[in-house]
PDB file of N, CA and C in Angstrom:
ATOM      1  N   MET A   1       0.822  -1.031  -0.110  1.00  0.00           N
ATOM      2  CA  MET A   1      -0.340   0.185  -0.221  1.00  0.00           C
ATOM      3  C   MET A   1       0.946   1.177  -0.061  1.00  0.00           C
ATOM      4  N   PRO A   2       0.729   2.210  -0.689  1.00  0.00           N
ATOM      5  CA  PRO A   2       1.658   3.286  -1.435  1.00  0.00           C
ATOM      6  C   PRO A   2       1.096   4.021  -0.338  1.00  0.00           C
ATOM      7  N   THR A   3       2.235   5.085   0.485  1.00  0.00           N
ATOM      8  CA  THR A   3       1.571   6.537   1.042  1.00  0.00           C
ATOM      9  C   THR A   3       2.002   7.127   0.847  1.00  0.00           C
ATOM     10  N   THR A   4       2.100   7.414  -0.464  1.00  0.00           N
ATOM     11  CA  THR A   4       2.355   8.927  -1.737  1.00  0.00           C
ATOM     12  C   THR A   4       2.143   8.513  -3.057  1.00  0.00           C
ATOM     13  N   TRP A   5       1.811   9.725  -3.801  1.00  0.00           N
ATOM     14  CA  TRP A   5       1.710   9.294  -5.218  1.00  0.00           C
ATOM     15  C   TRP A   5       2.011  10.084  -6.316  1.00  0.00           C
ATOM     16  N   LYS A   6       2.925  10.248  -6.658  1.00  0.00           N
ATOM     17  CA  LYS A   6       3.685  10.692  -7.467  1.00  0.00           C
ATOM     18  C   LYS A   6       3.130  10.382  -9.251  1.00  0.00           C
ATOM     19  N   LYS A   7       2.834  12.026  -9.775  1.00  0.00           N
ATOM     20  CA  LYS A   7       2.362  11.579 -11.172  1.00  0.00           C
ATOM     21  C   LYS A   7       2.951  13.847 -11.652  1.00  0.00           C
ATOM     22  N   ASN A   8       3.432  13.539 -12.736  1.00  0.00           N
ATOM     23  CA  ASN A   8       3.693  15.054 -13.501  1.00  0.00           C
ATOM     24  C   ASN A   8       4.457  15.585 -12.701  1.00  0.00           C
ATOM     25  N   ASN A   9       5.598  14.972 -11.884  1.00  0.00           N
ATOM     26  CA  ASN A   9       6.253  15.850 -10.939  1.00  0.00           C
ATOM     27  C   ASN A   9       5.723  15.535 -10.002  1.00  0.00           C
ATOM     28  N   THR A  10       4.699  15.978  -9.122  1.00  0.00           N
ATOM     29  CA  THR A  10       4.105  16.410  -8.284  1.00  0.00           C
ATOM     30  C   THR A  10       3.486  14.789  -7.455  1.00  0.00           C
ATOM     31  N   THR A  11       3.637  14.853  -6.571  1.00  0.00           N
ATOM     32  CA  THR A  11       4.083  13.559  -5.317  1.00  0.00           C
ATOM     33  C   THR A  11       2.935  14.200  -4.485  1.00  0.00           C
ATOM     34  N   LEU A  12       1.933  13.708  -4.101  1.00  0.00           N
ATOM     35  CA  LEU A  12       1.091  13.555  -3.439  1.00  0.00           C
ATOM     36  C   LEU A  12       1.055  12.872  -1.948  1.00  0.00           C
ATOM     37  N   VAL A  13       0.994  13.157  -0.729  1.00  0.00           N
ATOM     38  CA  VAL A  13       1.447  12.390   0.746  1.00  0.00           C
ATOM     39  C   VAL A  13       0.051  12.943   1.527  1.00  0.00           C
ATOM     40  N   PRO A  14       0.626  12.596   2.419  1.00  0.00           N
ATOM     41  CA  PRO A  14      -0.895  12.408   3.695  1.00  0.00           C
ATOM     42  C   PRO A  14      -0.073  13.807   4.130  1.00  0.00           C
ATOM     43  N   GLY A  15      -1.782  14.510   4.087  1.00  0.00           N
ATOM     44  CA  GLY A  15      -1.721  16.668   4.451  1.00  0.00           C
ATOM     45  C   GLY A  15      -0.958  17.298   3.604  1.00  0.00           C
ATOM     46  N   ASP A  16      -1.268  16.209   2.246  1.00  0.00           N
ATOM     47  CA  ASP A  16      -1.525  18.088   1.053  1.00  0.00           C
ATOM     48  C   ASP A  16      -2.970  17.666   0.919  1.00  0.00           C
ATOM     49  N   THR A  17      -2.632  19.865   0.799  1.00  0.00           N
ATOM     50  CA  THR A  17      -4.080  19.820   0.328  1.00  0.00           C
ATOM     51  C   THR A  17      -4.369  19.600  -0.546  1.00  0.00           C
ATOM     52  N   VAL A  18      -5.723  19.479  -1.474  1.00  0.00           N
ATOM     53  CA  VAL A  18      -5.715  19.615  -3.175  1.00  0.00           C
ATOM     54  C   VAL A  18      -7.061  19.673  -3.786  1.00  0.00           C
ATOM     55  N   TYR A  19      -7.313  20.422  -4.566  1.00  0.00           N
ATOM     56  CA  TYR A  19      -8.172  20.653  -5.533  1.00  0.00           C
ATOM     57  C   TYR A  19      -8.885  19.527  -6.437  1.00  0.00           C
ATOM     58  N   HIS A  20      -9.948  19.045  -6.801  1.00  0.00           N
ATOM     59  CA  HIS A  20     -10.584  18.486  -7.665  1.00  0.00           C
ATOM     60  C   HIS A  20     -10.946  19.664  -9.266  1.00  0.00           C
ATOM     61  N   VAL A  21      -9.737  19.029  -9.928  1.00  0.00           N
ATOM     62  CA  VAL A  21      -9.962  19.231 -11.450  1.00  0.00           C
ATOM     63  C   VAL A  21     -11.138  19.069 -12.038  1.00  0.00           C
ATOM     64  N   LEU A  22     -12.238  18.478 -12.346  1.00  0.00           N
ATOM     65  CA  LEU A  22     -13.080  19.389 -13.059  1.00  0.00           C
ATOM     66  C   LEU A  22     -14.193  20.765 -11.842  1.00  0.00           C
ATOM     67  N   TYR A  23     -13.335  20.138 -10.425  1.00  0.00           N
ATOM     68  CA  TYR A  23     -14.318  21.517  -9.936  1.00  0.00           C
ATOM     69  C   TYR A  23     -13.537  23.647  -9.161  1.00  0.00           C
ATOM     70  N   GLY A  24     -12.864  23.133  -9.951  1.00  0.00           N
ATOM     71  CA  GLY A  24     -11.670  24.061  -9.064  1.00  0.00           C
ATOM     72  C   GLY A  24     -10.930  24.159  -7.943  1.00  0.00           C
ATOM     73  N   ARG A  25     -11.576  24.705  -7.745  1.00  0.00           N
ATOM     74  CA  ARG A  25      -9.804  25.498  -6.062  1.00  0.00           C
ATOM     75  C   ARG A  25     -11.141  25.921  -5.161  1.00  0.00           C
ATOM     76  N   GLU A  26     -12.464  25.485  -5.584  1.00  0.00           N
ATOM     77  CA  GLU A  26     -13.253  25.967  -4.428  1.00  0.00           C
ATOM     78  C   GLU A  26     -13.459  24.595  -4.145  1.00  0.00           C
ATOM     79  N   TRP A  27     -13.019  23.287  -4.666  1.00  0.00           N
ATOM     80  CA  TRP A  27     -13.431  22.132  -3.653  1.00  0.00           C
ATOM     81  C   TRP A  27     -11.986  21.988  -3.712  1.00  0.00           C
ATOM     82  N   LEU A  28     -12.211  21.994  -2.029  1.00  0.00           N
ATOM     83  CA  LEU A  28     -10.797  21.914  -1.254  1.00  0.00           C
ATOM     84  C   LEU A  28     -10.343  20.646  -0.467  1.00  0.00           C
ATOM     85  N   GLY A  29      -9.909  20.297  -0.040  1.00  0.00           N
ATOM     86  CA  GLY A  29      -9.627  19.143   0.822  1.00  0.00           C
ATOM     87  C   GLY A  29      -8.350  18.475   0.708  1.00  0.00           C
ATOM     88  N   ILE A  30      -8.056  17.735   1.980  1.00  0.00           N
ATOM     89  CA  ILE A  30      -6.768  17.532   3.168  1.00  0.00           C
ATOM     90  C   ILE A  30      -6.177  15.508   2.408  1.00  0.00           C
ATOM     91  N   VAL A  31      -5.480  15.835   2.220  1.00  0.00           N
ATOM     92  CA  VAL A  31      -5.089  14.556   2.091  1.00  0.00           C
ATOM     93  C   VAL A  31      -5.086  13.636   3.100  1.00  0.00           C
ATOM     94  N   LEU A  32      -5.660  12.813   3.945  1.00  0.00           N
ATOM     95  CA  LEU A  32      -5.360  11.568   4.705  1.00  0.00           C
ATOM     96  C   LEU A  32      -4.728  10.510   4.624  1.00  0.00           C
ATOM     97  N   GLU A  33      -4.680   9.619   3.486  1.00  0.00           N
ATOM     98  CA  GLU A  33      -4.209   8.551   2.850  1.00  0.00           C
ATOM     99  C   GLU A  33      -4.282   7.883   1.880  1.00  0.00           C
ATOM    100  N   VAL A  34      -3.302   7.643   1.092  1.00  0.00           N
ATOM    101  CA  VAL A  34      -2.964   7.611  -0.571  1.00  0.00           C
ATOM    102  C   VAL A  34      -3.134   5.444  -0.547  1.00  0.00           C
ATOM    103  N   GLU A  35      -3.847   5.254  -1.203  1.00  0.00           N
ATOM    104  CA  GLU A  35      -3.748   3.714  -0.854  1.00  0.00           C
ATOM    105  C   GLU A  35      -3.772   3.561  -2.391  1.00  0.00           C
ATOM    106  N   LYS A  36      -3.133   2.149  -3.338  1.00  0.00           N
ATOM    107  CA  LYS A  36      -4.396   1.008  -4.810  1.00  0.00           C
ATOM    108  C   LYS A  36      -4.517   0.651  -4.329  1.00  0.00           C
ATOM    109  N   ILE A  37      -5.439   0.823  -5.866  1.00  0.00           N
ATOM    110  CA  ILE A  37      -7.283  -0.262  -5.674  1.00  0.00           C
ATOM    111  C   ILE A  37      -7.115  -1.229  -6.163  1.00  0.00           C
ATOM    112  N   THR A  38      -6.887  -2.559  -5.756  1.00  0.00           N
ATOM    113  CA  THR A  38      -7.241  -3.431  -5.810  1.00  0.00           C
ATOM    114  C   THR A  38      -8.573  -4.321  -6.868  1.00  0.00           C
ATOM    115  N   GLY A  39      -8.560  -5.535  -7.460  1.00  0.00           N
ATOM    116  CA  GLY A  39      -9.990  -5.705  -7.612  1.00  0.00           C
ATOM    117  C   GLY A  39     -10.858  -6.049  -7.950  1.00  0.00           C
ATOM    118  N   ASN A  40     -11.029  -4.544  -8.824  1.00  0.00           N
ATOM    119  CA  ASN A  40     -11.540  -3.997  -9.622  1.00  0.00           C
ATOM    120  C   ASN A  40     -12.106  -4.018 -10.758  1.00  0.00           C
ATOM    121  N   PHE A  41     -13.239  -3.240 -11.246  1.00  0.00           N
ATOM    122  CA  PHE A  41     -12.469  -2.149 -13.157  1.00  0.00           C
ATOM    123  C   PHE A  41     -11.429  -1.396 -12.641  1.00  0.00           C
ATOM    124  N   LEU A  42     -11.620  -0.709 -11.983  1.00  0.00           N
ATOM    125  CA  LEU A  42     -10.018   0.542 -11.346  1.00  0.00           C
ATOM    126  C   LEU A  42      -8.835  -0.113 -11.024  1.00  0.00           C
ATOM    127  N   LYS A  43      -8.617  -1.815 -11.271  1.00  0.00           N
ATOM    128  CA  LYS A  43      -7.310  -2.106 -10.304  1.00  0.00           C
ATOM    129  C   LYS A  43      -5.873  -1.179 -10.923  1.00  0.00           C
ATOM    130  N   ASN A  44      -5.160  -1.482 -10.298  1.00  0.00           N
ATOM    131  CA  ASN A  44      -3.887  -0.719 -10.585  1.00  0.00           C
ATOM    132  C   ASN A  44      -4.054   0.754 -10.239  1.00  0.00           C
ATOM    133  N   ARG A  45      -5.269   1.775 -10.171  1.00  0.00           N
ATOM    134  CA  ARG A  45      -5.132   2.861  -9.747  1.00  0.00           C
ATOM    135  C   ARG A  45      -4.993   3.300  -8.627  1.00  0.00           C
ATOM    136  N   ILE A  46      -5.166   3.971  -8.228  1.00  0.00           N
ATOM    137  CA  ILE A  46      -4.119   5.009  -6.754  1.00  0.00           C
ATOM    138  C   ILE A  46      -5.659   6.102  -6.571  1.00  0.00           C
ATOM    139  N   ARG A  47      -6.257   5.468  -5.388  1.00  0.00           N
ATOM    140  CA  ARG A  47      -7.039   6.584  -4.459  1.00  0.00           C
ATOM    141  C   ARG A  47      -6.598   7.136  -3.487  1.00  0.00           C
ATOM    142  N   ALA A  48      -6.905   8.958  -2.998  1.00  0.00           N
ATOM    143  CA  ALA A  48      -6.939   8.765  -1.976  1.00  0.00           C
ATOM    144  C   ALA A  48      -8.234   9.157  -0.926  1.00  0.00           C
ATOM    145  N   LEU A  49      -7.662   9.542  -0.095  1.00  0.00           N
ATOM    146  CA  LEU A  49      -9.062   9.403   1.237  1.00  0.00           C
ATOM    147  C   LEU A  49      -8.288  11.122   1.613  1.00  0.00           C
ATOM    148  N   VAL A  50      -9.901  11.908   1.439  1.00  0.00           N
ATOM    149  CA  VAL A  50      -9.771  12.772   1.843  1.00  0.00           C
ATOM    150  C   VAL A  50     -10.683  13.996   2.306  1.00  0.00           C
ATOM    151  N   TYR A  51     -10.424  14.821   3.441  1.00  0.00           N
ATOM    152  CA  TYR A  51     -11.361  15.574   4.308  1.00  0.00           C
ATOM    153  C   TYR A  51     -11.651  16.796   3.971  1.00  0.00           C
ATOM    154  N   MET A  52     -13.109  16.781   3.422  1.00  0.00           N
ATOM    155  CA  MET A  52     -12.638  18.751   2.483  1.00  0.00           C
ATOM    156  C   MET A  52     -12.842  19.057   3.731  1.00  0.00           C
ATOM    157  N   VAL A  53     -12.805  20.349   3.304  1.00  0.00           N
ATOM    158  CA  VAL A  53     -12.458  21.850   4.092  1.00  0.00           C
ATOM    159  C   VAL A  53     -13.329  22.339   4.575  1.00  0.00           C
ATOM    160  N   PRO A  54     -13.708  22.555   6.233  1.00  0.00           N
ATOM    161  CA  PRO A  54     -14.540  23.099   6.466  1.00  0.00           C
ATOM    162  C   PRO A  54     -15.004  25.135   6.027  1.00  0.00           C
ATOM    163  N   GLY A  55     -16.708  24.938   5.468  1.00  0.00           N
ATOM    164  CA  GLY A  55     -16.157  26.495   5.304  1.00  0.00           C
ATOM    165  C   GLY A  55     -15.927  26.592   3.225  1.00  0.00           C
ATOM    166  N   THR A  56     -15.817  25.582   3.018  1.00  0.00           N
ATOM    167  CA  THR A  56     -15.657  25.792   1.611  1.00  0.00           C
ATOM    168  C   THR A  56     -16.940  25.495   0.973  1.00  0.00           C
ATOM    169  N   GLU A  57     -16.806  25.984  -0.499  1.00  0.00           N
ATOM    170  CA  GLU A  57     -18.075  25.378  -1.187  1.00  0.00           C
ATOM    171  C   GLU A  57     -19.003  24.121  -1.272  1.00  0.00           C
ATOM    172  N   TYR A  58     -17.620  23.026  -1.343  1.00  0.00           N
ATOM    173  CA  TYR A  58     -17.630  21.502  -1.478  1.00  0.00           C
ATOM    174  C   TYR A  58     -17.904  20.865  -0.314  1.00  0.00           C
ATOM    175  N   GLU A  59     -17.814  21.657   1.207  1.00  0.00           N
ATOM    176  CA  GLU A  59     -16.928  21.268   2.287  1.00  0.00           C
ATOM    177  C   GLU A  59     -18.495  19.304   2.761  1.00  0.00           C
ATOM    178  N   PHE A  60     -19.548  19.468   1.503  1.00  0.00           N
ATOM    179  CA  PHE A  60     -20.302  18.272   2.285  1.00  0.00           C
ATOM    180  C   PHE A  60     -19.929  17.869   1.170  1.00  0.00           C
ATOM    181  N   TYR A  61     -19.318  17.875  -0.541  1.00  0.00           N
ATOM    182  CA  TYR A  61     -19.437  16.816  -1.590  1.00  0.00           C
ATOM    183  C   TYR A  61     -19.655  15.529  -0.871  1.00  0.00           C
ATOM    184  N   PHE A  62     -19.336  15.308  -0.257  1.00  0.00           N
ATOM    185  CA  PHE A  62     -19.211  13.719  -0.542  1.00  0.00           C
ATOM    186  C   PHE A  62     -20.614  12.801   0.194  1.00  0.00           C
ATOM    187  N   ASP A  63     -21.054  14.042   0.826  1.00  0.00           N
ATOM    188  CA  ASP A  63     -22.998  13.642   0.991  1.00  0.00           C
ATOM    189  C   ASP A  63     -23.673  13.566  -0.698  1.00  0.00           C
ATOM    190  N   LYS A  64     -23.671  13.849  -2.183  1.00  0.00           N
ATOM    191  CA  LYS A  64     -23.556  14.011  -2.619  1.00  0.00           C
ATOM    192  C   LYS A  64     -22.972  12.924  -3.458  1.00  0.00           C
ATOM    193  N   ALA A  65     -22.257  13.150  -3.361  1.00  0.00           N
ATOM    194  CA  ALA A  65     -21.501  12.190  -4.966  1.00  0.00           C
ATOM    195  C   ALA A  65     -21.497  11.378  -4.914  1.00  0.00           C
ATOM    196  N   PHE A  66     -21.244  10.247  -6.117  1.00  0.00           N
ATOM    197  CA  PHE A  66     -21.173   9.255  -6.319  1.00  0.00           C
ATOM    198  C   PHE A  66     -19.897   8.202  -5.782  1.00  0.00           C
ATOM    199  N   SER A  67     -19.091   8.379  -4.967  1.00  0.00           N
ATOM    200  CA  SER A  67     -17.972   8.029  -4.161  1.00  0.00           C
ATOM    201  C   SER A  67     -17.588   7.855  -3.648  1.00  0.00           C
ATOM    202  N   ARG A  68     -16.790   7.059  -2.837  1.00  0.00           N
ATOM    203  CA  ARG A  68     -17.025   5.816  -1.760  1.00  0.00           C
ATOM    204  C   ARG A  68     -16.800   6.795  -0.421  1.00  0.00           C
ATOM    205  N   LYS A  69     -18.174   7.372   0.274  1.00  0.00           N
ATOM    206  CA  LYS A  69     -18.325   8.151   1.225  1.00  0.00           C
ATOM    207  C   LYS A  69     -17.539   7.476   3.136  1.00  0.00           C
ATOM    208  N   VAL A  70     -16.912   8.075   3.367  1.00  0.00           N
ATOM    209  CA  VAL A  70     -16.225   7.556   4.894  1.00  0.00           C
ATOM    210  C   VAL A  70     -16.379   7.767   5.898  1.00  0.00           C
ATOM    211  N   GLY A  71     -17.647   8.939   6.542  1.00  0.00           N
ATOM    212  CA  GLY A  71     -18.755   9.891   7.085  1.00  0.00           C
ATOM    213  C   GLY A  71     -18.341  10.974   6.701  1.00  0.00           C
ATOM    214  N   GLN A  72     -18.494  12.105   7.645  1.00  0.00           N
ATOM    215  CA  GLN A  72     -18.865  13.478   7.428  1.00  0.00           C
ATOM    216  C   GLN A  72     -17.395  14.269   6.566  1.00  0.00           C
ATOM    217  N   ARG A  73     -18.323  14.501   5.388  1.00  0.00           N
ATOM    218  CA  ARG A  73     -17.039  14.980   4.858  1.00  0.00           C
ATOM    219  C   ARG A  73     -15.596  14.726   4.620  1.00  0.00           C
ATOM    220  N   ARG A  74     -15.703  13.092   4.216  1.00  0.00           N
ATOM    221  CA  ARG A  74     -14.523  12.508   4.300  1.00  0.00           C
ATOM    222  C   ARG A  74     -15.546  11.385   3.158  1.00  0.00           C
ATOM    223  N   GLY A  75     -14.209  10.801   2.205  1.00  0.00           N
ATOM    224  CA  GLY A  75     -14.890   9.935   0.671  1.00  0.00           C
ATOM    225  C   GLY A  75     -13.116   9.689  -0.131  1.00  0.00           C
ATOM    226  N   TRP A  76     -13.376   8.912  -0.330  1.00  0.00           N
ATOM    227  CA  TRP A  76     -12.525   8.345  -1.449  1.00  0.00           C
ATOM    228  C   TRP A  76     -12.858   8.801  -2.887  1.00  0.00           C
ATOM    229  N   VAL A  77     -11.393   9.427  -3.578  1.00  0.00           N
ATOM    230  CA  VAL A  77     -11.459   9.894  -4.851  1.00  0.00           C
ATOM    231  C   VAL A  77      -9.478   8.999  -5.150  1.00  0.00           C
ATOM    232  N   THR A  78     -10.141   8.954  -6.793  1.00  0.00           N
ATOM    233  CA  THR A  78      -9.182   8.962  -7.442  1.00  0.00           C
ATOM    234  C   THR A  78      -8.602   9.563  -7.937  1.00  0.00           C
ATOM    235  N   THR A  79      -6.903   9.581  -7.603  1.00  0.00           N
ATOM    236  CA  THR A  79      -6.003  10.395  -7.400  1.00  0.00           C
ATOM    237  C   THR A  79      -5.872  11.526  -8.553  1.00  0.00           C
ATOM    238  N   ASN A  80      -6.356  10.442 -10.237  1.00  0.00           N
ATOM    239  CA  ASN A  80      -6.547  11.223 -10.856  1.00  0.00           C
ATOM    240  C   ASN A  80      -6.625  12.608 -11.593  1.00  0.00           C
ATOM    241  N   TRP A  81      -8.078  12.861 -10.498  1.00  0.00           N
ATOM    242  CA  TRP A  81      -8.886  14.047 -10.046  1.00  0.00           C
ATOM    243  C   TRP A  81      -8.487  14.747  -9.309  1.00  0.00           C
ATOM    244  N   LEU A  82      -6.795  14.594  -8.914  1.00  0.00           N
ATOM    245  CA  LEU A  82      -6.665  15.820  -7.776  1.00  0.00           C
ATOM    246  C   LEU A  82      -5.678  16.676  -8.629  1.00  0.00           C
ATOM    247  N   VAL A  83      -5.665  17.764  -8.003  1.00  0.00           N
ATOM    248  CA  VAL A  83      -4.175  18.977  -8.213  1.00  0.00           C
ATOM    249  C   VAL A  83      -3.546  19.516  -6.746  1.00  0.00           C
ATOM    250  N   LYS A  84      -2.508  18.904  -6.564  1.00  0.00           N
ATOM    251  CA  LYS A  84      -1.866  19.321  -5.596  1.00  0.00           C
ATOM    252  C   LYS A  84      -2.028  20.998  -5.687  1.00  0.00           C
ATOM    253  N   TYR A  85      -2.821  21.737  -4.179  1.00  0.00           N
ATOM    254  CA  TYR A  85      -2.717  23.096  -3.875  1.00  0.00           C
ATOM    255  C   TYR A  85      -1.364  23.933  -3.829  1.00  0.00           C
ATOM    256  N   LYS A  86      -1.523  24.794  -4.680  1.00  0.00           N
ATOM    257  CA  LYS A  86      -0.199  25.540  -4.478  1.00  0.00           C
ATOM    258  C   LYS A  86      -0.676  27.251  -4.414  1.00  0.00           C
ATOM    259  N   PRO A  87      -0.863  27.743  -3.265  1.00  0.00           N
ATOM    260  CA  PRO A  87      -1.631  28.806  -3.226  1.00  0.00           C
ATOM    261  C   PRO A  87      -0.618  30.201  -3.803  1.00  0.00           C
ATOM    262  N   ASP A  88       0.546  29.718  -4.661  1.00  0.00           N
ATOM    263  CA  ASP A  88       1.082  30.815  -4.834  1.00  0.00           C
ATOM    264  C   ASP A  88       0.287  30.886  -6.593  1.00  0.00           C
ATOM    265  N   GLU A  89      -0.245  30.147  -6.961  1.00  0.00           N
ATOM    266  CA  GLU A  89      -0.205  29.736  -8.360  1.00  0.00           C
ATOM    267  C   GLU A  89      -2.159  30.118  -8.311  1.00  0.00           C
ATOM    268  N   LYS A  90      -2.113  30.295  -9.462  1.00  0.00           N
ATOM    269  CA  LYS A  90      -3.512  31.728  -9.822  1.00  0.00           C
ATOM    270  C   LYS A  90      -3.949  31.199 -11.023  1.00  0.00           C
TER     271      LYS A  90
END
């Protein structure tokens, strides 16, 4: 089980702040865990357990999403949808 994920010279590790490629910077979460998916059509992909930042527009994203919810404001997202947040980018 990996604890990091690397793509395009960017590494995601627990504690990183990320946003969703489709929803933009308003979708803001913190990576809690990174793991490899096994056993279904998504096998050999990596997913991240994300905690949504309270007070943001999508803080209750996992209440409505089709992804795997793991409690309030937490759920799994495949890492191909996530971008590491860098505050100095515009």
